[in-house]
C-alpha cells in the first residue's frame, strides 16, 4: 500500500511509515518530505503485523537495538504511543505474511 503514493518533490514512490506524537505519517524514503498524514488513532484497529523502531532517518535501515515493539498493530500501539509521546519518531515496518 505504501508504494502507491509518489513524493511531490522528486516523484519517488518509496515511502516510509512514521509515528510522530499523535500522527501517522507517510514520508518519502529519499528526501523525508511528508506525503500524507492522519491521526495515529485512525490506525489503532489494524491487525497488521509490524515492527516499530526508533527512526534512523529517511532511507536508512533501523538497527535491531532500536526495536520498540513487534506484533499486531493493535497490540503494540500503546508501546508505540509511549515511545512517540516525547517527539521521538517511530518507524513502522510491515512484516510479510507467511
PDB file of N, CA and C in Angstrom:
ATOM      1  N   UNK A   1       0.808  -1.195   0.000  1.00  0.00           N
ATOM      2  CA  UNK A   1       0.000   0.000   0.000  1.00  0.00           C
ATOM      3  C   UNK A   1       0.853   1.262   0.000  1.00  0.00           C
ATOM      4  N   UNK A   2       1.973   1.264   0.684  1.00  0.00           N
ATOM      5  CA  UNK A   2       2.770   2.476   0.788  1.00  0.00           C
ATOM      6  C   UNK A   2       3.494   2.796  -0.509  1.00  0.00           C
ATOM      7  N   UNK A   3       3.468   1.906  -1.508  1.00  0.00           N
ATOM      8  CA  UNK A   3       4.150   2.162  -2.768  1.00  0.00           C
ATOM      9  C   UNK A   3       3.232   2.868  -3.771  1.00  0.00           C
ATOM     10  N   UNK A   4       2.007   3.210  -3.387  1.00  0.00           N
ATOM     11  CA  UNK A   4       1.038   3.783  -4.312  1.00  0.00           C
ATOM     12  C   UNK A   4       1.096   5.302  -4.368  1.00  0.00           C
ATOM     13  N   UNK A   5       1.823   5.949  -3.524  1.00  0.00           N
ATOM     14  CA  UNK A   5       1.899   7.402  -3.486  1.00  0.00           C
ATOM     15  C   UNK A   5       3.298   7.848  -3.882  1.00  0.00           C
ATOM     16  N   UNK A   6       3.381   8.948  -4.601  1.00  0.00           N
ATOM     17  CA  UNK A   6       4.675   9.453  -5.026  1.00  0.00           C
ATOM     18  C   UNK A   6       4.989  10.768  -4.330  1.00  0.00           C
ATOM     19  N   UNK A   7       6.261  11.005  -4.104  1.00  0.00           N
ATOM     20  CA  UNK A   7       6.721  12.249  -3.490  1.00  0.00           C
ATOM     21  C   UNK A   7       6.468  13.406  -4.456  1.00  0.00           C
ATOM     22  N   UNK A   8       5.846  14.489  -3.986  1.00  0.00           N
ATOM     23  CA  UNK A   8       5.591  15.631  -4.865  1.00  0.00           C
ATOM     24  C   UNK A   8       6.877  16.346  -5.295  1.00  0.00           C
ATOM     25  N   UNK A   9       7.952  16.190  -4.540  1.00  0.00           N
ATOM     26  CA  UNK A   9       9.202  16.864  -4.883  1.00  0.00           C
ATOM     27  C   UNK A   9       9.996  16.118  -5.949  1.00  0.00           C
ATOM     28  N   UNK A  10      10.185  14.820  -5.723  1.00  0.00           N
ATOM     29  CA  UNK A  10      11.042  14.069  -6.636  1.00  0.00           C
ATOM     30  C   UNK A  10      10.346  12.982  -7.420  1.00  0.00           C
ATOM     31  N   UNK A  11       9.086  12.699  -7.097  1.00  0.00           N
ATOM     32  CA  UNK A  11       8.341  11.679  -7.809  1.00  0.00           C
ATOM     33  C   UNK A  11       8.645  10.260  -7.371  1.00  0.00           C
ATOM     34  N   UNK A  12       9.506  10.081  -6.396  1.00  0.00           N
ATOM     35  CA  UNK A  12       9.844   8.745  -5.916  1.00  0.00           C
ATOM     36  C   UNK A  12       8.631   8.123  -5.249  1.00  0.00           C
ATOM     37  N   UNK A  13       8.394   6.835  -5.491  1.00  0.00           N
ATOM     38  CA  UNK A  13       7.214   6.189  -4.921  1.00  0.00           C
ATOM     39  C   UNK A  13       7.537   5.299  -3.722  1.00  0.00           C
ATOM     40  N   UNK A  14       8.738   5.377  -3.191  1.00  0.00           N
ATOM     41  CA  UNK A  14       9.100   4.623  -1.982  1.00  0.00           C
ATOM     42  C   UNK A  14       8.785   5.483  -0.769  1.00  0.00           C
ATOM     43  N   UNK A  15       7.929   4.953   0.100  1.00  0.00           N
ATOM     44  CA  UNK A  15       7.539   5.701   1.291  1.00  0.00           C
ATOM     45  C   UNK A  15       7.883   4.926   2.545  1.00  0.00           C
ATOM     46  N   UNK A  16       7.911   5.642   3.652  1.00  0.00           N
ATOM     47  CA  UNK A  16       8.136   5.056   4.968  1.00  0.00           C
ATOM     48  C   UNK A  16       7.009   5.503   5.886  1.00  0.00           C
ATOM     49  N   UNK A  17       6.582   4.600   6.766  1.00  0.00           N
ATOM     50  CA  UNK A  17       5.529   4.911   7.738  1.00  0.00           C
ATOM     51  C   UNK A  17       6.174   5.359   9.035  1.00  0.00           C
ATOM     52  N   UNK A  18       5.747   6.514   9.515  1.00  0.00           N
ATOM     53  CA  UNK A  18       6.324   7.129  10.711  1.00  0.00           C
ATOM     54  C   UNK A  18       5.202   7.497  11.685  1.00  0.00           C
ATOM     55  N   UNK A  19       5.466   7.325  12.971  1.00  0.00           N
ATOM     56  CA  UNK A  19       4.578   7.843  14.013  1.00  0.00           C
ATOM     57  C   UNK A  19       5.315   8.996  14.685  1.00  0.00           C
ATOM     58  N   UNK A  20       4.688  10.154  14.741  1.00  0.00           N
ATOM     59  CA  UNK A  20       5.253  11.317  15.431  1.00  0.00           C
ATOM     60  C   UNK A  20       4.185  11.890  16.339  1.00  0.00           C
ATOM     61  N   UNK A  21       4.423  11.773  17.634  1.00  0.00           N
ATOM     62  CA  UNK A  21       3.441  12.163  18.641  1.00  0.00           C
ATOM     63  C   UNK A  21       2.114  11.492  18.336  1.00  0.00           C
ATOM     64  N   UNK A  22       1.081  12.201  17.939  1.00  0.00           N
ATOM     65  CA  UNK A  22      -0.222  11.605  17.664  1.00  0.00           C
ATOM     66  C   UNK A  22      -0.539  11.446  16.185  1.00  0.00           C
ATOM     67  N   UNK A  23       0.483  11.540  15.322  1.00  0.00           N
ATOM     68  CA  UNK A  23       0.239  11.471  13.883  1.00  0.00           C
ATOM     69  C   UNK A  23       0.871  10.240  13.246  1.00  0.00           C
ATOM     70  N   UNK A  24       0.170   9.686  12.258  1.00  0.00           N
ATOM     71  CA  UNK A  24       0.685   8.620  11.404  1.00  0.00           C
ATOM     72  C   UNK A  24       1.032   9.288  10.085  1.00  0.00           C
ATOM     73  N   UNK A  25       2.281   9.175   9.653  1.00  0.00           N
ATOM     74  CA  UNK A  25       2.782   9.929   8.504  1.00  0.00           C
ATOM     75  C   UNK A  25       3.408   8.982   7.485  1.00  0.00           C
ATOM     76  N   UNK A  26       3.115   9.210   6.206  1.00  0.00           N
ATOM     77  CA  UNK A  26       3.857   8.571   5.130  1.00  0.00           C
ATOM     78  C   UNK A  26       4.813   9.623   4.602  1.00  0.00           C
ATOM     79  N   UNK A  27       6.093   9.290   4.571  1.00  0.00           N
ATOM     80  CA  UNK A  27       7.074  10.244   4.069  1.00  0.00           C
ATOM     81  C   UNK A  27       7.896   9.601   2.958  1.00  0.00           C
ATOM     82  N   UNK A  28       8.513  10.439   2.141  1.00  0.00           N
ATOM     83  CA  UNK A  28       9.383   9.989   1.070  1.00  0.00           C
ATOM     84  C   UNK A  28      10.634   9.356   1.685  1.00  0.00           C
ATOM     85  N   UNK A  29      11.002   8.160   1.199  1.00  0.00           N
ATOM     86  CA  UNK A  29      12.178   7.464   1.721  1.00  0.00           C
ATOM     87  C   UNK A  29      13.478   8.129   1.286  1.00  0.00           C
ATOM     88  N   UNK A  30      13.427   8.955   0.249  1.00  0.00           N
ATOM     89  CA  UNK A  30      14.637   9.612  -0.230  1.00  0.00           C
ATOM     90  C   UNK A  30      14.897  10.945   0.458  1.00  0.00           C
ATOM     91  N   UNK A  31      13.876  11.815   0.464  1.00  0.00           N
ATOM     92  CA  UNK A  31      14.103  13.168   0.976  1.00  0.00           C
ATOM     93  C   UNK A  31      13.468  13.430   2.338  1.00  0.00           C
ATOM     94  N   UNK A  32      12.556  12.551   2.775  1.00  0.00           N
ATOM     95  CA  UNK A  32      11.923  12.725   4.076  1.00  0.00           C
ATOM     96  C   UNK A  32      10.699  13.628   4.067  1.00  0.00           C
ATOM     97  N   UNK A  33      10.314  14.138   2.902  1.00  0.00           N
ATOM     98  CA  UNK A  33       9.147  15.023   2.826  1.00  0.00           C
ATOM     99  C   UNK A  33       7.867  14.255   3.149  1.00  0.00           C
ATOM    100  N   UNK A  34       6.992  14.886   3.931  1.00  0.00           N
ATOM    101  CA  UNK A  34       5.696  14.288   4.260  1.00  0.00           C
ATOM    102  C   UNK A  34       4.820  14.257   3.023  1.00  0.00           C
ATOM    103  N   UNK A  35       4.253  13.082   2.744  1.00  0.00           N
ATOM    104  CA  UNK A  35       3.357  12.924   1.602  1.00  0.00           C
ATOM    105  C   UNK A  35       1.911  13.016   2.063  1.00  0.00           C
ATOM    106  N   UNK A  36       1.597  12.317   3.142  1.00  0.00           N
ATOM    107  CA  UNK A  36       0.245  12.350   3.698  1.00  0.00           C
ATOM    108  C   UNK A  36       0.339  12.012   5.183  1.00  0.00           C
ATOM    109  N   UNK A  37      -0.597  12.542   5.960  1.00  0.00           N
ATOM    110  CA  UNK A  37      -0.626  12.270   7.396  1.00  0.00           C
ATOM    111  C   UNK A  37      -2.069  12.105   7.857  1.00  0.00           C
ATOM    112  N   UNK A  38      -2.239  11.334   8.916  1.00  0.00           N
ATOM    113  CA  UNK A  38      -3.545  11.162   9.538  1.00  0.00           C
ATOM    114  C   UNK A  38      -3.311  10.973  11.035  1.00  0.00           C
ATOM    115  N   UNK A  39      -4.356  10.846  11.771  1.00  0.00           N
ATOM    116  CA  UNK A  39      -4.248  10.626  13.205  1.00  0.00           C
ATOM    117  C   UNK A  39      -3.781   9.202  13.487  1.00  0.00           C
ATOM    118  N   UNK A  40      -2.904   9.050  14.447  1.00  0.00           N
ATOM    119  CA  UNK A  40      -2.459   7.725  14.898  1.00  0.00           C
ATOM    120  C   UNK A  40      -3.660   6.911  15.370  1.00  0.00           C
ATOM    121  N   UNK A  41      -4.637   7.573  15.966  1.00  0.00           N
ATOM    122  CA  UNK A  41      -5.847   6.896  16.468  1.00  0.00           C
ATOM    123  C   UNK A  41      -6.599   6.186  15.337  1.00  0.00           C
ATOM    124  N   UNK A  42      -6.527   6.717  14.124  1.00  0.00           N
ATOM    125  CA  UNK A  42      -7.226   6.117  12.990  1.00  0.00           C
ATOM    126  C   UNK A  42      -6.648   4.757  12.613  1.00  0.00           C
ATOM    127  N   UNK A  43      -5.455   4.455  13.063  1.00  0.00           N
ATOM    128  CA  UNK A  43      -4.781   3.210  12.700  1.00  0.00           C
ATOM    129  C   UNK A  43      -4.936   2.117  13.759  1.00  0.00           C
ATOM    130  N   UNK A  44      -5.492   2.424  14.898  1.00  0.00           N
ATOM    131  CA  UNK A  44      -5.457   1.516  16.045  1.00  0.00           C
ATOM    132  C   UNK A  44      -6.213   0.203  15.884  1.00  0.00           C
ATOM    133  N   UNK A  45      -7.153   0.111  14.974  1.00  0.00           N
ATOM    134  CA  UNK A  45      -7.914  -1.122  14.807  1.00  0.00           C
ATOM    135  C   UNK A  45      -7.242  -2.124  13.876  1.00  0.00           C
ATOM    136  N   UNK A  46      -6.059  -1.846  13.423  1.00  0.00           N
ATOM    137  CA  UNK A  46      -5.378  -2.710  12.465  1.00  0.00           C
ATOM    138  C   UNK A  46      -4.745  -3.917  13.150  1.00  0.00           C
ATOM    139  N   UNK A  47      -4.870  -5.072  12.513  1.00  0.00           N
ATOM    140  CA  UNK A  47      -4.212  -6.289  12.998  1.00  0.00           C
ATOM    141  C   UNK A  47      -2.969  -6.629  12.185  1.00  0.00           C
ATOM    142  N   UNK A  48      -2.526  -5.698  11.341  1.00  0.00           N
ATOM    143  CA  UNK A  48      -1.332  -5.947  10.537  1.00  0.00           C
ATOM    144  C   UNK A  48      -0.129  -6.187  11.441  1.00  0.00           C
ATOM    145  N   UNK A  49       0.671  -7.164  11.094  1.00  0.00           N
ATOM    146  CA  UNK A  49       1.903  -7.441  11.823  1.00  0.00           C
ATOM    147  C   UNK A  49       2.938  -6.395  11.423  1.00  0.00           C
ATOM    148  N   UNK A  50       3.578  -5.792  12.397  1.00  0.00           N
ATOM    149  CA  UNK A  50       4.612  -4.813  12.090  1.00  0.00           C
ATOM    150  C   UNK A  50       5.639  -4.754  13.205  1.00  0.00           C
ATOM    151  N   UNK A  51       6.742  -4.140  12.868  1.00  0.00           N
ATOM    152  CA  UNK A  51       7.786  -3.857  13.838  1.00  0.00           C
ATOM    153  C   UNK A  51       7.909  -2.345  13.945  1.00  0.00           C
ATOM    154  N   UNK A  52       8.124  -1.856  15.150  1.00  0.00           N
ATOM    155  CA  UNK A  52       8.284  -0.428  15.387  1.00  0.00           C
ATOM    156  C   UNK A  52       9.697  -0.177  15.916  1.00  0.00           C
ATOM    157  N   UNK A  53      10.389   0.739  15.281  1.00  0.00           N
ATOM    158  CA  UNK A  53      11.769   1.073  15.643  1.00  0.00           C
ATOM    159  C   UNK A  53      11.882   2.574  15.857  1.00  0.00           C
ATOM    160  N   UNK A  54      12.865   3.003  16.626  1.00  0.00           N
ATOM    161  CA  UNK A  54      13.217   4.417  16.666  1.00  0.00           C
ATOM    162  C   UNK A  54      13.756   4.740  15.278  1.00  0.00           C
ATOM    163  N   UNK A  55      13.248   5.787  14.678  1.00  0.00           N
ATOM    164  CA  UNK A  55      13.558   6.117  13.288  1.00  0.00           C
ATOM    165  C   UNK A  55      14.998   6.601  13.122  1.00  0.00           C
ATOM    166  N   UNK A  56      15.770   5.962  12.217  1.00  0.00           N
ATOM    167  CA  UNK A  56      17.144   6.401  11.975  1.00  0.00           C
ATOM    168  C   UNK A  56      17.255   7.521  10.935  1.00  0.00           C
ATOM    169  N   UNK A  57      16.137   7.866  10.296  1.00  0.00           N
ATOM    170  CA  UNK A  57      16.154   8.903   9.264  1.00  0.00           C
ATOM    171  C   UNK A  57      15.712   8.344   7.923  1.00  0.00           C
ATOM    172  N   UNK A  58      15.334   9.229   7.003  1.00  0.00           N
ATOM    173  CA  UNK A  58      14.827   8.798   5.705  1.00  0.00           C
ATOM    174  C   UNK A  58      15.802   7.897   4.950  1.00  0.00           C
ATOM    175  N   UNK A  59      15.293   6.774   4.459  1.00  0.00           N
ATOM    176  CA  UNK A  59      16.083   5.857   3.641  1.00  0.00           C
ATOM    177  C   UNK A  59      17.070   4.987   4.382  1.00  0.00           C
ATOM    178  N   UNK A  60      17.201   5.169   5.686  1.00  0.00           N
ATOM    179  CA  UNK A  60      18.151   4.370   6.475  1.00  0.00           C
ATOM    180  C   UNK A  60      17.417   3.214   7.145  1.00  0.00           C
ATOM    181  N   UNK A  61      18.101   2.083   7.289  1.00  0.00           N
ATOM    182  CA  UNK A  61      17.510   0.922   7.937  1.00  0.00           C
ATOM    183  C   UNK A  61      17.741   0.993   9.445  1.00  0.00           C
ATOM    184  N   UNK A  62      16.693   0.773  10.231  1.00  0.00           N
ATOM    185  CA  UNK A  62      16.854   0.809  11.692  1.00  0.00           C
ATOM    186  C   UNK A  62      17.681  -0.377  12.184  1.00  0.00           C
ATOM    187  N   UNK A  63      18.446  -0.159  13.206  1.00  0.00           N
ATOM    188  CA  UNK A  63      19.241  -1.241  13.788  1.00  0.00           C
ATOM    189  C   UNK A  63      18.375  -2.025  14.779  1.00  0.00           C
ATOM    190  N   UNK A  64      18.674  -3.316  14.960  1.00  0.00           N
ATOM    191  CA  UNK A  64      17.860  -4.166  15.837  1.00  0.00           C
ATOM    192  C   UNK A  64      17.733  -3.646  17.265  1.00  0.00           C
ATOM    193  N   UNK A  65      18.752  -2.976  17.767  1.00  0.00           N
ATOM    194  CA  UNK A  65      18.701  -2.488  19.158  1.00  0.00           C
ATOM    195  C   UNK A  65      17.744  -1.315  19.339  1.00  0.00           C
ATOM    196  N   UNK A  66      17.220  -0.763  18.246  1.00  0.00           N
ATOM    197  CA  UNK A  66      16.255   0.333  18.362  1.00  0.00           C
ATOM    198  C   UNK A  66      14.805  -0.158  18.290  1.00  0.00           C
ATOM    199  N   UNK A  67      14.610  -1.475  18.348  1.00  0.00           N
ATOM    200  CA  UNK A  67      13.262  -2.041  18.321  1.00  0.00           C
ATOM    201  C   UNK A  67      12.454  -1.555  19.524  1.00  0.00           C
ATOM    202  N   UNK A  68      11.261  -1.053  19.255  1.00  0.00           N
ATOM    203  CA  UNK A  68      10.339  -0.601  20.297  1.00  0.00           C
ATOM    204  C   UNK A  68       9.341  -1.719  20.600  1.00  0.00           C
ATOM    205  N   UNK A  69       8.783  -2.327  19.551  1.00  0.00           N
ATOM    206  CA  UNK A  69       7.786  -3.386  19.721  1.00  0.00           C
ATOM    207  C   UNK A  69       7.601  -4.117  18.400  1.00  0.00           C
ATOM    208  N   UNK A  70       7.078  -5.354  18.495  1.00  0.00           N
ATOM    209  CA  UNK A  70       6.789  -6.157  17.310  1.00  0.00           C
ATOM    210  C   UNK A  70       5.519  -6.944  17.576  1.00  0.00           C
ATOM    211  N   UNK A  71       4.633  -7.004  16.574  1.00  0.00           N
ATOM    212  CA  UNK A  71       3.406  -7.778  16.712  1.00  0.00           C
ATOM    213  C   UNK A  71       2.264  -7.135  15.967  1.00  0.00           C
ATOM    214  N   UNK A  72       1.028  -7.603  16.228  1.00  0.00           N
ATOM    215  CA  UNK A  72      -0.143  -6.978  15.613  1.00  0.00           C
ATOM    216  C   UNK A  72      -0.241  -5.516  16.070  1.00  0.00           C
ATOM    217  N   UNK A  73      -0.519  -4.629  15.140  1.00  0.00           N
ATOM    218  CA  UNK A  73      -0.507  -3.196  15.433  1.00  0.00           C
ATOM    219  C   UNK A  73      -1.350  -2.836  16.647  1.00  0.00           C
ATOM    220  N   UNK A  74      -2.560  -3.372  16.732  1.00  0.00           N
ATOM    221  CA  UNK A  74      -3.443  -3.003  17.852  1.00  0.00           C
ATOM    222  C   UNK A  74      -2.834  -3.410  19.203  1.00  0.00           C
ATOM    223  N   UNK A  75      -2.005  -4.458  19.231  1.00  0.00           N
ATOM    224  CA  UNK A  75      -1.409  -4.919  20.482  1.00  0.00           C
ATOM    225  C   UNK A  75      -0.153  -4.138  20.868  1.00  0.00           C
ATOM    226  N   UNK A  76       0.514  -3.538  19.894  1.00  0.00           N
ATOM    227  CA  UNK A  76       1.740  -2.797  20.214  1.00  0.00           C
ATOM    228  C   UNK A  76       1.537  -1.282  20.188  1.00  0.00           C
ATOM    229  N   UNK A  77       0.308  -0.847  19.926  1.00  0.00           N
ATOM    230  CA  UNK A  77       0.019   0.589  19.801  1.00  0.00           C
ATOM    231  C   UNK A  77       0.371   1.373  21.069  1.00  0.00           C
ATOM    232  N   UNK A  78       0.135   0.793  22.236  1.00  0.00           N
ATOM    233  CA  UNK A  78       0.443   1.502  23.485  1.00  0.00           C
ATOM    234  C   UNK A  78       1.945   1.739  23.624  1.00  0.00           C
ATOM    235  N   UNK A  79       2.747   0.731  23.289  1.00  0.00           N
ATOM    236  CA  UNK A  79       4.205   0.884  23.355  1.00  0.00           C
ATOM    237  C   UNK A  79       4.689   1.922  22.347  1.00  0.00           C
ATOM    238  N   UNK A  80       4.101   1.913  21.154  1.00  0.00           N
ATOM    239  CA  UNK A  80       4.464   2.900  20.131  1.00  0.00           C
ATOM    240  C   UNK A  80       4.098   4.300  20.601  1.00  0.00           C
ATOM    241  N   UNK A  81       2.896   4.456  21.123  1.00  0.00           N
ATOM    242  CA  UNK A  81       2.430   5.758  21.597  1.00  0.00           C
ATOM    243  C   UNK A  81       3.329   6.302  22.705  1.00  0.00           C
ATOM    244  N   UNK A  82       3.707   5.436  23.636  1.00  0.00           N
ATOM    245  CA  UNK A  82       4.587   5.855  24.735  1.00  0.00           C
ATOM    246  C   UNK A  82       5.949   6.300  24.209  1.00  0.00           C
ATOM    247  N   UNK A  83       6.488   5.554  23.246  1.00  0.00           N
ATOM    248  CA  UNK A  83       7.800   5.892  22.692  1.00  0.00           C
ATOM    249  C   UNK A  83       7.749   7.180  21.873  1.00  0.00           C
ATOM    250  N   UNK A  84       6.611   7.455  21.232  1.00  0.00           N
ATOM    251  CA  UNK A  84       6.485   8.641  20.377  1.00  0.00           C
ATOM    252  C   UNK A  84       6.001   9.879  21.128  1.00  0.00           C
ATOM    253  N   UNK A  85       5.581   9.717  22.367  1.00  0.00           N
ATOM    254  CA  UNK A  85       4.955  10.822  23.098  1.00  0.00           C
ATOM    255  C   UNK A  85       5.894  11.998  23.361  1.00  0.00           C
ATOM    256  N   UNK A  86       7.199  11.752  23.402  1.00  0.00           N
ATOM    257  CA  UNK A  86       8.141  12.847  23.660  1.00  0.00           C
ATOM    258  C   UNK A  86       8.677  13.480  22.376  1.00  0.00           C
ATOM    259  N   UNK A  87       8.090  13.080  21.234  1.00  0.00           N
ATOM    260  CA  UNK A  87       8.530  13.633  19.957  1.00  0.00           C
ATOM    261  C   UNK A  87       9.470  12.729  19.190  1.00  0.00           C
ATOM    262  N   UNK A  88       9.863  11.597  19.782  1.00  0.00           N
ATOM    263  CA  UNK A  88      10.707  10.637  19.081  1.00  0.00           C
ATOM    264  C   UNK A  88       9.952  10.098  17.872  1.00  0.00           C
ATOM    265  N   UNK A  89      10.606  10.059  16.719  1.00  0.00           N
ATOM    266  CA  UNK A  89       9.987   9.492  15.527  1.00  0.00           C
ATOM    267  C   UNK A  89      10.103   7.974  15.589  1.00  0.00           C
ATOM    268  N   UNK A  90       9.005   7.298  15.317  1.00  0.00           N
ATOM    269  CA  UNK A  90       8.961   5.837  15.338  1.00  0.00           C
ATOM    270  C   UNK A  90       8.666   5.346  13.923  1.00  0.00           C
ATOM    271  N   UNK A  91       9.523   4.474  13.416  1.00  0.00           N
ATOM    272  CA  UNK A  91       9.325   3.892  12.071  1.00  0.00           C
ATOM    273  C   UNK A  91       8.571   2.590  12.188  1.00  0.00           C
ATOM    274  N   UNK A  92       7.528   2.437  11.382  1.00  0.00           N
ATOM    275  CA  UNK A  92       6.773   1.182  11.316  1.00  0.00           C
ATOM    276  C   UNK A  92       7.185   0.436  10.067  1.00  0.00           C
ATOM    277  N   UNK A  93       7.464  -0.836  10.232  1.00  0.00           N
ATOM    278  CA  UNK A  93       7.811  -1.687   9.093  1.00  0.00           C
ATOM    279  C   UNK A  93       6.872  -2.865   9.096  1.00  0.00           C
ATOM    280  N   UNK A  94       6.099  -2.991   8.005  1.00  0.00           N
ATOM    281  CA  UNK A  94       5.167  -4.110   7.888  1.00  0.00           C
ATOM    282  C   UNK A  94       5.941  -5.412   7.740  1.00  0.00           C
ATOM    283  N   UNK A  95       5.424  -6.442   8.374  1.00  0.00           N
ATOM    284  CA  UNK A  95       6.041  -7.757   8.256  1.00  0.00           C
ATOM    285  C   UNK A  95       5.222  -8.585   7.273  1.00  0.00           C
ATOM    286  N   UNK A  96       5.910  -9.233   6.362  1.00  0.00           N
ATOM    287  CA  UNK A  96       5.237 -10.034   5.338  1.00  0.00           C
ATOM    288  C   UNK A  96       4.485 -11.188   5.968  1.00  0.00           C
ATOM    289  N   UNK A  97       3.314 -11.481   5.408  1.00  0.00           N
ATOM    290  CA  UNK A  97       2.544 -12.625   5.868  1.00  0.00           C
ATOM    291  C   UNK A  97       3.155 -13.882   5.273  1.00  0.00           C
ATOM    292  N   UNK A  98       3.237 -14.918   6.097  1.00  0.00           N
ATOM    293  CA  UNK A  98       3.828 -16.175   5.634  1.00  0.00           C
ATOM    294  C   UNK A  98       2.752 -17.140   5.250  1.00  0.00           C
TER     295      UNK A  98
END
